């Protein structure tokens, strides 16, 4: 898989500069975007960089498009619109990379607390694979290929990330509530001579 990932830089030279641009833009935009999300700048940056990596990998032109002006063809290969066989994923080629590419974005969104912004981000992220493949199938100067199977693989990776992020957030929240509850119980049961609280004060807890 690592070999295949590295080979992308050979076939698509703009990916590396695109990743650098994505990194810089995510740093610049995170303070602004975080004002509209119920999280801080770091969490917002994780969402933006996850999106930026996806766009850099999928929407940069090929080496042939840059060097010789090669263009793709309008249309989309819909021979596969569902899962590939396990042997295909085991080969560590494009299908499994398409799955893993969307997991970080899914995790970052899944870690968001329930809110209107989170729901909109989930919907937008689910539509992202369709938008990417449509762009690849229409903007032929990129010399990219639209494939229905990529949409499925991207969606699987996104859903896996969303599930992992949501589970991690739930576990973290429960652990925090339990810690707060234990601290409150410990304080409430201390002798009044140590805490300065009488029975009436502890009853308010």
Protein backbone atom coordinates (compact mmCIF):
# COMPACT_ATOMS: atom_id res chain seq x y z
CA UNK A 1 0.00 0.00 0.00
CA UNK A 2 2.84 2.38 0.79
CA UNK A 3 4.40 1.64 -2.60
CA UNK A 4 1.10 2.40 -4.34
CA UNK A 5 0.67 5.61 -2.35
CA UNK A 6 4.16 6.75 -3.30
CA UNK A 7 3.53 5.93 -6.95
CA UNK A 8 0.74 8.49 -6.97
CA UNK A 9 3.33 11.24 -6.69
CA UNK A 10 4.95 9.96 -9.88
CA UNK A 11 1.73 9.76 -11.88
CA UNK A 12 0.29 12.96 -10.42
CA UNK A 13 3.11 15.40 -9.61
CA UNK A 14 0.78 18.21 -8.44
CA UNK A 15 -0.37 16.12 -5.49
CA UNK A 16 2.62 17.12 -3.34
CA UNK A 17 2.24 20.89 -3.91
CA UNK A 18 -1.49 20.42 -3.48
CA UNK A 19 -0.93 18.85 -0.07
CA UNK A 20 1.27 21.78 0.91
CA UNK A 21 -1.40 24.26 -0.20
CA UNK A 22 -4.02 22.28 1.71
CA UNK A 23 -1.89 22.41 4.85
CA UNK A 24 -1.35 26.17 4.62
CA UNK A 25 -4.97 26.98 3.76
CA UNK A 26 -6.26 24.83 6.61
CA UNK A 27 -4.04 26.75 9.02
CA UNK A 28 -5.25 30.10 7.69
CA UNK A 29 -8.93 29.20 7.56
CA UNK A 30 -9.28 27.25 10.82
CA UNK A 31 -9.65 30.39 13.02
CA UNK A 32 -12.45 31.67 10.77
CA UNK A 33 -14.29 28.38 10.30
CA UNK A 34 -14.04 27.47 13.99
CA UNK A 35 -16.35 30.39 14.80
CA UNK A 36 -19.16 28.51 13.08
CA UNK A 37 -18.42 25.16 14.68
CA UNK A 38 -18.88 24.07 18.31
CA UNK A 39 -15.18 23.16 18.60
CA UNK A 40 -11.80 24.85 18.77
CA UNK A 41 -9.27 25.68 16.09
CA UNK A 42 -7.35 22.40 16.30
CA UNK A 43 -10.43 20.28 15.71
CA UNK A 44 -11.49 22.59 12.88
CA UNK A 45 -8.02 22.26 11.36
CA UNK A 46 -8.34 18.45 11.42
CA UNK A 47 -11.57 18.71 9.42
CA UNK A 48 -10.08 21.16 6.92
CA UNK A 49 -6.85 19.24 6.41
CA UNK A 50 -8.82 16.02 5.96
CA UNK A 51 -10.82 17.71 3.21
CA UNK A 52 -7.72 19.30 1.71
CA UNK A 53 -5.86 16.01 1.42
CA UNK A 54 -8.81 14.43 -0.38
CA UNK A 55 -9.07 17.29 -2.88
CA UNK A 56 -5.32 17.34 -3.48
CA UNK A 57 -5.21 13.62 -4.19
CA UNK A 58 -8.32 13.41 -6.36
CA UNK A 59 -8.55 16.67 -8.30
CA UNK A 60 -4.99 17.39 -9.42
CA UNK A 61 -4.07 16.73 -13.08
CA UNK A 62 -2.00 13.79 -14.23
CA UNK A 63 1.60 13.93 -15.44
CA UNK A 64 0.41 13.38 -19.03
CA UNK A 65 -2.09 16.23 -18.77
CA UNK A 66 0.67 18.60 -17.71
CA UNK A 67 3.45 17.32 -19.98
CA UNK A 68 1.66 16.53 -23.23
CA UNK A 69 -1.79 18.02 -22.85
CA UNK A 70 -3.49 14.65 -22.56
CA UNK A 71 -7.17 14.78 -21.71
CA UNK A 72 -9.61 12.27 -20.37
CA UNK A 73 -13.01 11.33 -21.70
CA UNK A 74 -16.37 12.63 -20.59
CA UNK A 75 -18.35 9.95 -18.81
CA UNK A 76 -18.14 7.56 -15.90
CA UNK A 77 -17.38 3.87 -15.56
CA UNK A 78 -20.35 2.36 -13.73
CA UNK A 79 -19.29 -1.26 -14.12
CA UNK A 80 -18.89 -1.36 -10.34
CA UNK A 81 -21.17 0.65 -8.06
CA UNK A 82 -20.86 -1.55 -4.99
CA UNK A 83 -18.10 -3.30 -3.08
CA UNK A 84 -15.24 -4.99 -4.86
CA UNK A 85 -14.16 -8.51 -3.95
CA UNK A 86 -11.97 -8.97 -0.90
CA UNK A 87 -9.09 -10.00 -3.15
CA UNK A 88 -9.23 -6.60 -4.86
CA UNK A 89 -8.96 -4.75 -1.54
CA UNK A 90 -6.21 -7.13 -0.43
CA UNK A 91 -4.05 -6.08 -3.39
CA UNK A 92 -3.56 -2.72 -1.66
CA UNK A 93 -4.32 -0.74 -4.80
CA UNK A 94 -6.65 2.14 -5.54
CA UNK A 95 -9.83 0.65 -3.95
CA UNK A 96 -8.35 0.27 -0.47
CA UNK A 97 -6.60 3.64 -0.76
CA UNK A 98 -9.96 5.20 -1.62
CA UNK A 99 -11.35 3.74 1.59
CA UNK A 100 -8.51 4.90 3.83
CA UNK A 101 -8.39 8.38 2.27
CA UNK A 102 -11.81 9.31 3.69
CA UNK A 103 -11.39 7.82 7.17
CA UNK A 104 -9.56 10.83 8.74
CA UNK A 105 -12.26 13.26 7.58
CA UNK A 106 -14.94 10.95 8.93
CA UNK A 107 -13.21 10.68 12.30
CA UNK A 108 -12.82 14.46 12.58
CA UNK A 109 -16.51 15.03 11.83
CA UNK A 110 -17.60 12.16 14.06
CA UNK A 111 -15.81 13.73 17.01
CA UNK A 112 -18.01 16.82 16.76
CA UNK A 113 -20.74 17.12 19.40
CA UNK A 114 -24.33 16.82 18.16
CA UNK A 115 -25.36 20.07 16.46
CA UNK A 116 -26.81 21.46 13.28
CA UNK A 117 -23.31 22.10 11.96
CA UNK A 118 -22.38 18.44 12.49
CA UNK A 119 -25.44 17.24 10.58
CA UNK A 120 -24.69 19.54 7.66
CA UNK A 121 -21.06 18.42 7.58
CA UNK A 122 -22.09 14.75 7.52
CA UNK A 123 -24.42 15.39 4.58
CA UNK A 124 -21.77 17.42 2.73
CA UNK A 125 -19.13 14.75 3.34
CA UNK A 126 -21.44 12.02 2.02
CA UNK A 127 -22.01 14.05 -1.15
CA UNK A 128 -18.30 14.76 -1.59
CA UNK A 129 -17.44 11.46 -3.37
CA UNK A 130 -20.19 12.11 -5.91
CA UNK A 131 -18.94 15.64 -6.50
CA UNK A 132 -15.37 14.43 -6.97
CA UNK A 133 -16.26 11.73 -9.46
CA UNK A 134 -18.55 14.09 -11.37
CA UNK A 135 -15.70 16.60 -11.63
CA UNK A 136 -13.30 13.91 -12.83
CA UNK A 137 -15.80 12.81 -15.46
CA UNK A 138 -16.54 16.32 -16.74
CA UNK A 139 -13.31 18.29 -16.40
CA UNK A 140 -11.35 16.27 -18.97
CA UNK A 141 -8.24 18.48 -18.79
CA UNK A 142 -7.43 16.76 -15.47
CA UNK A 143 -7.01 13.47 -17.35
CA UNK A 144 -8.80 11.68 -14.54
CA UNK A 145 -11.27 8.79 -14.71
CA UNK A 146 -14.70 8.80 -13.11
CA UNK A 147 -15.51 5.43 -11.55
CA UNK A 148 -18.66 4.45 -9.71
CA UNK A 149 -16.73 2.05 -7.49
CA UNK A 150 -14.70 4.94 -6.12
CA UNK A 151 -17.88 6.55 -4.77
CA UNK A 152 -18.70 3.39 -2.83
CA UNK A 153 -15.16 2.99 -1.49
CA UNK A 154 -15.01 6.64 -0.41
CA UNK A 155 -18.39 6.36 1.31
CA UNK A 156 -17.28 3.23 3.18
CA UNK A 157 -14.15 4.99 4.44
CA UNK A 158 -16.18 8.03 5.49
CA UNK A 159 -18.74 5.91 7.36
CA UNK A 160 -15.99 3.96 9.13
CA UNK A 161 -14.42 7.23 10.22
CA UNK A 162 -17.75 8.68 11.36
CA UNK A 163 -18.46 5.56 13.41
CA UNK A 164 -15.01 5.58 15.00
CA UNK A 165 -15.16 9.31 15.78
CA UNK A 166 -18.67 9.10 17.23
CA UNK A 167 -17.71 6.12 19.40
CA UNK A 168 -14.58 7.88 20.66
CA UNK A 169 -16.58 11.00 21.51
CA UNK A 170 -19.19 8.96 23.40
CA UNK A 171 -16.53 7.10 25.39
CA UNK A 172 -14.70 10.35 26.20
CA UNK A 173 -17.94 12.02 27.28
CA UNK A 174 -18.94 9.14 29.53
CA UNK A 175 -15.48 9.04 31.09
CA UNK A 176 -15.68 12.76 31.79
CA UNK A 177 -19.14 12.47 33.35
CA UNK A 178 -17.98 9.60 35.53
CA UNK A 179 -14.91 11.53 36.68
CA UNK A 180 -17.03 14.58 37.51
CA UNK A 181 -19.51 12.41 39.39
CA UNK A 182 -16.80 10.74 41.45
CA UNK A 183 -15.26 14.09 42.29
CA UNK A 184 -18.61 15.49 43.40
CA UNK A 185 -19.37 12.42 45.54
CA UNK A 186 -15.94 12.57 47.15
CA UNK A 187 -16.36 16.25 48.04
CA UNK A 188 -19.88 15.76 49.35
CA UNK A 189 -18.90 12.95 51.73
CA UNK A 190 -15.97 14.76 53.35
CA UNK A 191 -16.39 15.78 57.01
CA UNK A 192 -17.66 19.31 57.54
CA UNK A 193 -14.56 20.08 59.60
CA UNK A 194 -12.42 19.55 56.48
CA UNK A 195 -14.66 21.10 53.86
CA UNK A 196 -16.38 23.80 55.85
CA UNK A 197 -19.70 22.49 54.52
CA UNK A 198 -22.57 21.37 56.78
CA UNK A 199 -25.26 18.80 55.97
CA UNK A 200 -27.49 21.39 54.36
CA UNK A 201 -24.71 22.49 51.97
CA UNK A 202 -23.93 18.89 50.98
CA UNK A 203 -27.63 18.23 50.37
CA UNK A 204 -27.58 20.81 47.58
CA UNK A 205 -25.16 18.56 45.64
